[in-house]
N, C-alpha and C. Protein backbone atom coordinates (compact mmCIF):
# COMPACT_ATOMS: atom_id res chain seq x y z
N MET A 1 5.30 -18.88 2.44
CA MET A 1 3.91 -19.28 2.60
C MET A 1 3.42 -19.72 1.23
N ARG A 2 2.65 -20.76 1.18
CA ARG A 2 2.17 -21.33 -0.07
C ARG A 2 0.70 -21.00 -0.25
N THR A 3 0.30 -20.72 -1.52
CA THR A 3 -1.08 -20.47 -1.86
C THR A 3 -1.35 -21.10 -3.23
N THR A 4 -2.59 -21.03 -3.70
CA THR A 4 -2.98 -21.65 -4.96
C THR A 4 -3.65 -20.63 -5.87
N ILE A 5 -3.43 -20.78 -7.16
CA ILE A 5 -4.13 -19.95 -8.14
C ILE A 5 -5.42 -20.70 -8.50
N ASP A 6 -6.55 -19.97 -8.44
CA ASP A 6 -7.83 -20.64 -8.76
C ASP A 6 -8.01 -20.70 -10.28
N ARG A 7 -9.08 -21.28 -10.74
CA ARG A 7 -9.34 -21.46 -12.18
C ARG A 7 -9.45 -20.15 -12.94
N SER A 8 -9.83 -19.07 -12.23
CA SER A 8 -9.96 -17.75 -12.87
C SER A 8 -8.63 -16.99 -12.83
N GLY A 9 -7.58 -17.57 -12.29
CA GLY A 9 -6.27 -16.93 -12.24
C GLY A 9 -6.06 -16.07 -11.01
N ARG A 10 -6.97 -16.17 -10.02
CA ARG A 10 -6.84 -15.32 -8.83
C ARG A 10 -5.92 -16.02 -7.80
N VAL A 11 -5.20 -15.16 -7.09
CA VAL A 11 -4.32 -15.62 -6.01
C VAL A 11 -4.76 -14.93 -4.72
N VAL A 12 -4.88 -15.68 -3.65
CA VAL A 12 -5.23 -15.11 -2.36
C VAL A 12 -3.95 -14.72 -1.65
N VAL A 13 -3.85 -13.46 -1.24
CA VAL A 13 -2.72 -13.00 -0.45
C VAL A 13 -3.05 -13.38 1.01
N PRO A 14 -2.17 -14.16 1.65
CA PRO A 14 -2.46 -14.59 3.00
C PRO A 14 -2.81 -13.44 3.95
N LYS A 15 -3.72 -13.69 4.89
CA LYS A 15 -4.18 -12.64 5.79
C LYS A 15 -3.05 -12.02 6.58
N ALA A 16 -2.09 -12.82 7.02
CA ALA A 16 -0.96 -12.26 7.79
C ALA A 16 -0.20 -11.21 6.96
N PHE A 17 -0.06 -11.47 5.67
CA PHE A 17 0.64 -10.49 4.78
C PHE A 17 -0.22 -9.26 4.60
N ARG A 18 -1.54 -9.48 4.37
CA ARG A 18 -2.44 -8.32 4.19
C ARG A 18 -2.44 -7.44 5.43
N ASP A 19 -2.49 -8.08 6.59
CA ASP A 19 -2.48 -7.30 7.85
C ASP A 19 -1.18 -6.51 8.01
N GLU A 20 -0.06 -7.18 7.76
CA GLU A 20 1.24 -6.50 7.93
C GLU A 20 1.42 -5.34 6.98
N LEU A 21 0.89 -5.47 5.76
CA LEU A 21 1.02 -4.40 4.76
C LEU A 21 -0.15 -3.42 4.74
N GLY A 22 -1.17 -3.70 5.51
CA GLY A 22 -2.33 -2.80 5.55
C GLY A 22 -3.15 -2.89 4.29
N LEU A 23 -3.17 -4.03 3.64
CA LEU A 23 -3.93 -4.20 2.40
C LEU A 23 -5.38 -4.56 2.70
N GLN A 24 -6.29 -3.94 1.99
CA GLN A 24 -7.71 -4.24 2.15
C GLN A 24 -8.30 -4.51 0.76
N GLY A 25 -9.51 -5.06 0.73
CA GLY A 25 -10.17 -5.30 -0.54
C GLY A 25 -10.30 -4.03 -1.35
N GLY A 26 -10.04 -4.12 -2.62
CA GLY A 26 -10.15 -2.98 -3.51
C GLY A 26 -8.86 -2.21 -3.72
N VAL A 27 -7.80 -2.55 -2.96
CA VAL A 27 -6.50 -1.88 -3.12
C VAL A 27 -5.88 -2.33 -4.46
N GLU A 28 -5.42 -1.38 -5.23
CA GLU A 28 -4.75 -1.73 -6.51
C GLU A 28 -3.33 -2.20 -6.24
N LEU A 29 -2.91 -3.23 -7.00
CA LEU A 29 -1.59 -3.79 -6.86
C LEU A 29 -0.84 -3.70 -8.20
N GLU A 30 0.45 -3.54 -8.13
CA GLU A 30 1.34 -3.63 -9.31
C GLU A 30 1.90 -5.06 -9.32
N ILE A 31 1.80 -5.72 -10.47
CA ILE A 31 2.37 -7.06 -10.61
C ILE A 31 3.36 -7.01 -11.78
N VAL A 32 4.62 -7.41 -11.50
CA VAL A 32 5.64 -7.41 -12.55
C VAL A 32 6.37 -8.72 -12.54
N LEU A 33 6.88 -9.09 -13.70
CA LEU A 33 7.72 -10.29 -13.87
C LEU A 33 9.16 -9.84 -13.84
N VAL A 34 9.95 -10.36 -12.90
CA VAL A 34 11.34 -9.96 -12.73
C VAL A 34 12.19 -11.23 -12.65
N ASP A 35 13.06 -11.39 -13.64
CA ASP A 35 14.00 -12.55 -13.62
C ASP A 35 13.31 -13.88 -13.36
N GLY A 36 12.14 -14.11 -13.97
CA GLY A 36 11.46 -15.38 -13.85
C GLY A 36 10.59 -15.54 -12.61
N HIS A 37 10.39 -14.48 -11.82
CA HIS A 37 9.49 -14.59 -10.68
C HIS A 37 8.55 -13.37 -10.66
N ILE A 38 7.45 -13.51 -9.94
CA ILE A 38 6.45 -12.47 -9.88
C ILE A 38 6.65 -11.63 -8.63
N GLU A 39 6.61 -10.30 -8.80
CA GLU A 39 6.66 -9.39 -7.65
C GLU A 39 5.33 -8.63 -7.61
N ILE A 40 4.74 -8.57 -6.43
CA ILE A 40 3.46 -7.90 -6.23
C ILE A 40 3.67 -6.85 -5.14
N GLU A 41 3.24 -5.62 -5.41
CA GLU A 41 3.33 -4.56 -4.41
C GLU A 41 2.16 -3.61 -4.58
N PRO A 42 1.80 -2.90 -3.50
CA PRO A 42 0.73 -1.91 -3.64
C PRO A 42 1.10 -0.86 -4.69
N ALA A 43 0.12 -0.51 -5.53
CA ALA A 43 0.35 0.50 -6.57
C ALA A 43 0.52 1.85 -5.87
N PRO A 44 1.45 2.68 -6.35
CA PRO A 44 1.60 4.01 -5.76
C PRO A 44 0.32 4.83 -5.95
N THR A 45 0.03 5.67 -4.99
CA THR A 45 -1.12 6.55 -5.05
C THR A 45 -0.69 7.88 -5.65
N PRO A 46 -1.29 8.29 -6.77
CA PRO A 46 -0.92 9.58 -7.33
C PRO A 46 -1.21 10.71 -6.35
N MET A 47 -0.27 11.61 -6.21
CA MET A 47 -0.38 12.73 -5.27
C MET A 47 -0.05 14.01 -6.03
N ARG A 48 -0.55 15.11 -5.47
CA ARG A 48 -0.21 16.45 -6.04
C ARG A 48 -0.09 17.42 -4.87
N LEU A 49 0.68 18.47 -5.08
CA LEU A 49 0.83 19.50 -4.07
C LEU A 49 -0.21 20.59 -4.27
N VAL A 50 -0.91 20.97 -3.22
CA VAL A 50 -1.91 22.04 -3.27
C VAL A 50 -1.71 22.92 -2.06
N GLN A 51 -2.11 24.18 -2.15
CA GLN A 51 -2.02 25.07 -1.01
C GLN A 51 -3.31 25.00 -0.20
N ASP A 52 -3.14 24.91 1.14
CA ASP A 52 -4.32 24.89 2.02
C ASP A 52 -4.77 26.33 2.27
N GLU A 53 -5.75 26.48 3.13
CA GLU A 53 -6.34 27.82 3.39
C GLU A 53 -5.35 28.77 4.05
N HIS A 54 -4.24 28.23 4.60
CA HIS A 54 -3.23 29.10 5.26
C HIS A 54 -2.03 29.36 4.32
N GLY A 55 -2.11 28.87 3.12
CA GLY A 55 -1.01 29.06 2.18
C GLY A 55 0.10 28.01 2.28
N HIS A 56 -0.12 26.98 3.13
CA HIS A 56 0.89 25.91 3.25
C HIS A 56 0.68 24.90 2.14
N TRP A 57 1.82 24.40 1.63
CA TRP A 57 1.74 23.34 0.62
C TRP A 57 1.53 22.01 1.31
N VAL A 58 0.54 21.24 0.84
CA VAL A 58 0.24 19.93 1.39
C VAL A 58 0.07 18.94 0.24
N ALA A 59 0.38 17.64 0.51
CA ALA A 59 0.18 16.60 -0.47
C ALA A 59 -1.28 16.15 -0.42
N GLU A 60 -1.90 16.01 -1.57
CA GLU A 60 -3.29 15.57 -1.66
C GLU A 60 -3.35 14.37 -2.59
N ALA A 61 -3.98 13.31 -2.11
CA ALA A 61 -4.12 12.08 -2.92
C ALA A 61 -5.24 12.24 -3.91
N ASP A 62 -5.14 11.47 -5.01
CA ASP A 62 -6.19 11.47 -6.04
C ASP A 62 -7.37 10.59 -5.68
N ARG A 63 -7.29 9.88 -4.55
CA ARG A 63 -8.38 9.01 -4.13
C ARG A 63 -8.48 9.11 -2.60
N PRO A 64 -9.59 8.72 -2.02
CA PRO A 64 -9.69 8.75 -0.54
C PRO A 64 -8.64 7.86 0.09
N MET A 65 -8.04 8.36 1.16
CA MET A 65 -7.00 7.63 1.88
C MET A 65 -7.42 7.48 3.34
N PRO A 66 -7.01 6.39 3.99
CA PRO A 66 -7.31 6.27 5.42
C PRO A 66 -6.51 7.34 6.19
N PRO A 67 -7.00 7.78 7.33
CA PRO A 67 -6.28 8.79 8.08
C PRO A 67 -4.95 8.26 8.58
N LEU A 68 -3.93 9.10 8.59
CA LEU A 68 -2.61 8.76 9.10
C LEU A 68 -2.60 9.07 10.61
N THR A 69 -2.42 8.03 11.42
CA THR A 69 -2.48 8.21 12.85
C THR A 69 -1.09 8.36 13.44
N GLN A 70 -1.02 8.88 14.66
CA GLN A 70 0.28 8.98 15.34
C GLN A 70 0.89 7.61 15.55
N LYS A 71 0.07 6.61 15.84
CA LYS A 71 0.57 5.24 16.04
C LYS A 71 1.24 4.75 14.77
N MET A 72 0.64 4.98 13.61
CA MET A 72 1.21 4.54 12.36
C MET A 72 2.57 5.18 12.14
N VAL A 73 2.69 6.48 12.42
CA VAL A 73 3.95 7.20 12.25
C VAL A 73 5.01 6.62 13.21
N ARG A 74 4.60 6.42 14.49
CA ARG A 74 5.55 5.86 15.47
C ARG A 74 6.02 4.47 15.06
N ASP A 75 5.10 3.62 14.55
CA ASP A 75 5.47 2.28 14.12
C ASP A 75 6.49 2.31 12.98
N VAL A 76 6.28 3.18 12.01
CA VAL A 76 7.21 3.29 10.91
C VAL A 76 8.55 3.78 11.39
N LEU A 77 8.58 4.79 12.26
CA LEU A 77 9.83 5.30 12.80
C LEU A 77 10.59 4.21 13.55
N GLU A 78 9.89 3.40 14.31
CA GLU A 78 10.52 2.30 15.05
C GLU A 78 11.13 1.29 14.07
N GLN A 79 10.42 0.97 12.99
CA GLN A 79 10.93 0.03 12.01
C GLN A 79 12.19 0.56 11.36
N ILE A 80 12.19 1.86 11.06
CA ILE A 80 13.37 2.46 10.38
C ILE A 80 14.56 2.50 11.33
N ARG A 81 14.34 2.73 12.58
CA ARG A 81 15.42 2.86 13.56
C ARG A 81 16.09 1.51 13.89
N ARG A 82 15.45 0.43 13.60
CA ARG A 82 16.05 -0.90 13.92
C ARG A 82 17.17 -1.25 13.01
């Protein structure tokens, strides 16, 4: 897919890509130069392990995250199984 860099150096990520990757406005991205081409990917979210009220260890993000739904988990499992 082809896009254009505007005068301010901004690149629009096509909507189909944003939808497939679950990217929304405000999401931080990592941009690196690799062997003469640009790679863009969502920046990892810093996580830490904390104990909940029952003493179970759970991962907690350093920023608000959208809820993880059963459908999202099923979709990822289906992709992995293919």
